[in-house]
Amino acid sequence: MDFTIRKICADDSRAVIEIDKIHSNEAKPDYWTARLEPFITGARKKGSALGYVAVADGKVIGYVLAEARAWEFGSPNCGWIFAIGVDPRSSREGVGLALCREVCLKFKSQGMDKTRTMVRKDNVEVLSFFRASGFRAGPFVELELEF
């Protein structure tokens, strides 16, 4: 499959919302509109927010959103992928891997030596994707308190 990767822009919002809806079974336009704004407008510190889309035949087929974060929980400056999605019709074509590599290479060029993410432990498909992309268990354990 032929596709290109470019920085995200305002016109890509609808496609991100639709791809997320396919995967989550829930439309969240208000959430995504607010969440995408800093990536589209550049409202964060230069280089700290990275948003890319994969495009084939003029259509967005995937996206990744990541940001540089430092010092939370004692973590040195590193990249964090917090959202990635690929249109199921384009899955298993290397789109997700290419998007993941794009942000990892950008973080590396900024002097970071790690990129992290968080995945539900029962989401085997996404865990498999990140493991196939070279990710391994990190030094942190997520804890939660139910009330």
Protein backbone atom coordinates (compact mmCIF):
# COMPACT_ATOMS: atom_id res chain seq x y z
CA MET A 1 0.00 0.00 0.00
CA ASP A 2 1.29 3.44 -0.92
CA PHE A 3 0.82 6.15 1.68
CA THR A 4 2.58 9.25 2.91
CA ILE A 5 3.01 10.65 6.38
CA ARG A 6 2.60 14.35 7.10
CA LYS A 7 1.91 16.64 10.04
CA ILE A 8 -1.68 16.73 11.20
CA CYS A 9 -3.84 19.74 10.25
CA ALA A 10 -7.32 21.00 11.09
CA ASP A 11 -8.88 19.25 8.10
CA ASP A 12 -7.81 15.88 9.57
CA SER A 13 -9.95 16.16 12.71
CA ARG A 14 -13.00 14.44 11.24
CA ALA A 15 -10.94 11.45 10.07
CA VAL A 16 -9.29 11.06 13.49
CA ILE A 17 -12.70 11.15 15.15
CA GLU A 18 -14.06 8.54 12.74
CA ILE A 19 -11.10 6.16 13.10
CA ASP A 20 -11.29 6.42 16.89
CA LYS A 21 -15.05 5.76 16.75
CA ILE A 22 -14.47 2.55 14.79
CA HIS A 23 -12.03 1.28 17.43
CA SER A 24 -13.81 2.51 20.56
CA ASN A 25 -17.44 2.11 19.44
CA GLU A 26 -18.10 5.62 20.72
CA ALA A 27 -18.04 9.00 18.98
CA LYS A 28 -16.17 11.61 21.03
CA PRO A 29 -16.08 14.75 18.87
CA ASP A 30 -15.84 17.22 21.78
CA TYR A 31 -12.96 15.30 23.34
CA TRP A 32 -11.04 15.05 20.07
CA THR A 33 -11.66 18.66 19.07
CA ALA A 34 -10.14 19.85 22.35
CA ARG A 35 -7.35 17.24 22.35
CA LEU A 36 -6.25 17.90 18.78
CA GLU A 37 -6.10 21.69 19.08
CA PRO A 38 -2.55 21.96 20.48
CA PHE A 39 -1.25 19.59 17.81
CA ILE A 40 -2.89 21.56 15.02
CA THR A 41 -2.19 25.08 16.28
CA GLY A 42 1.25 24.41 17.75
CA ALA A 43 0.06 25.80 21.11
CA ARG A 44 2.57 23.69 23.03
CA LYS A 45 6.30 24.26 23.34
CA LYS A 46 7.88 23.76 19.93
CA GLY A 47 8.68 20.11 19.31
CA SER A 48 6.93 18.79 22.40
CA ALA A 49 3.64 17.90 20.65
CA LEU A 50 3.83 15.68 17.59
CA GLY A 51 0.82 14.84 15.47
CA TYR A 52 1.06 12.97 12.19
CA VAL A 53 -1.38 11.36 9.79
CA ALA A 54 -0.92 8.70 7.14
CA VAL A 55 -2.63 9.56 3.86
CA ALA A 56 -3.46 7.30 0.91
CA ASP A 57 -5.30 8.50 -2.18
CA GLY A 58 -6.02 11.81 -0.45
CA LYS A 59 -7.70 10.13 2.54
CA VAL A 60 -6.43 9.96 6.13
CA ILE A 61 -5.98 6.29 6.99
CA GLY A 62 -4.16 6.63 10.31
CA TYR A 63 -2.94 9.04 12.95
CA VAL A 64 -0.54 9.26 15.86
CA LEU A 65 -0.36 11.84 18.64
CA ALA A 66 2.64 12.01 20.93
CA GLU A 67 4.36 14.47 23.19
CA ALA A 68 7.61 14.96 25.03
CA ARG A 69 7.09 14.77 28.78
CA ALA A 70 9.52 15.02 31.65
CA TRP A 71 9.70 14.42 35.34
CA GLU A 72 6.28 12.88 35.95
CA PHE A 73 6.79 10.01 38.38
CA GLY A 74 10.56 10.54 38.28
CA SER A 75 10.81 9.87 34.56
CA PRO A 76 13.50 11.70 32.60
CA ASN A 77 12.48 13.54 29.42
CA CYS A 78 11.05 11.03 26.96
CA GLY A 79 8.41 10.70 24.28
CA TRP A 80 4.90 9.46 24.99
CA ILE A 81 2.56 8.06 22.35
CA PHE A 82 -0.90 8.62 23.73
CA ALA A 83 -3.06 7.98 20.68
CA ILE A 84 -2.60 5.94 17.55
CA GLY A 85 -5.22 4.59 15.20
CA VAL A 86 -5.47 3.08 11.74
CA ASP A 87 -8.56 2.64 9.61
CA PRO A 88 -9.24 -1.13 9.73
CA ARG A 89 -9.37 -1.24 5.93
CA SER A 90 -5.69 -0.26 5.97
CA SER A 91 -4.56 -2.42 8.87
CA ARG A 92 -1.65 -4.80 8.47
CA GLU A 93 -0.19 -2.59 5.74
CA GLY A 94 2.56 -1.00 7.85
CA VAL A 95 0.65 2.23 8.51
CA GLY A 96 0.74 2.03 12.31
CA LEU A 97 4.39 1.00 12.31
CA ALA A 98 5.34 3.88 10.02
CA LEU A 99 3.47 6.38 12.22
CA CYS A 100 5.09 4.97 15.35
CA ARG A 101 8.55 5.15 13.78
CA GLU A 102 7.95 8.74 12.67
CA VAL A 103 7.41 9.99 16.22
CA CYS A 104 10.17 7.82 17.67
CA LEU A 105 12.69 9.16 15.15
CA LYS A 106 11.59 12.73 15.84
CA PHE A 107 12.00 12.23 19.60
CA LYS A 108 15.42 10.66 19.02
CA SER A 109 16.44 13.68 16.92
CA GLN A 110 15.47 15.85 19.91
CA GLY A 111 17.90 13.95 22.13
CA MET A 112 15.49 11.54 23.82
CA ASP A 113 16.40 7.89 24.15
CA LYS A 114 12.96 6.46 24.97
CA THR A 115 9.36 6.57 23.84
CA ARG A 116 6.65 5.21 26.09
CA THR A 117 2.96 4.44 25.85
CA MET A 118 0.22 2.83 27.92
CA VAL A 119 -2.02 -0.02 26.76
CA ARG A 120 -4.88 -1.90 28.40
CA LYS A 121 -3.44 -5.23 29.53
CA ASP A 122 -6.38 -7.09 27.96
CA ASN A 123 -6.01 -5.41 24.55
CA VAL A 124 -4.00 -8.18 22.92
CA GLU A 125 -4.09 -6.67 19.43
CA VAL A 126 -2.63 -3.31 20.52
CA LEU A 127 -0.13 -4.97 22.87
CA SER A 128 1.01 -7.19 19.99
CA PHE A 129 1.37 -4.16 17.72
CA PHE A 130 3.58 -2.29 20.18
CA ARG A 131 5.63 -5.39 20.98
CA ALA A 132 6.16 -5.99 17.25
CA SER A 133 7.25 -2.34 17.02
CA GLY A 134 9.99 -3.01 19.58
CA PHE A 135 8.29 -1.77 22.77
CA ARG A 136 8.85 -3.71 25.98
CA ALA A 137 7.61 -3.40 29.56
CA GLY A 138 8.89 -0.24 31.19
CA PRO A 139 9.88 0.61 34.75
CA PHE A 140 6.46 1.81 35.93
CA VAL A 141 3.35 0.01 37.12
CA GLU A 142 -0.01 1.72 36.83
CA LEU A 143 -2.09 1.64 39.99
CA GLU A 144 -5.67 2.70 40.53
CA LEU A 145 -8.10 3.11 43.37
CA GLU A 146 -11.72 2.25 42.72
CA PHE A 147 -14.45 4.15 44.59
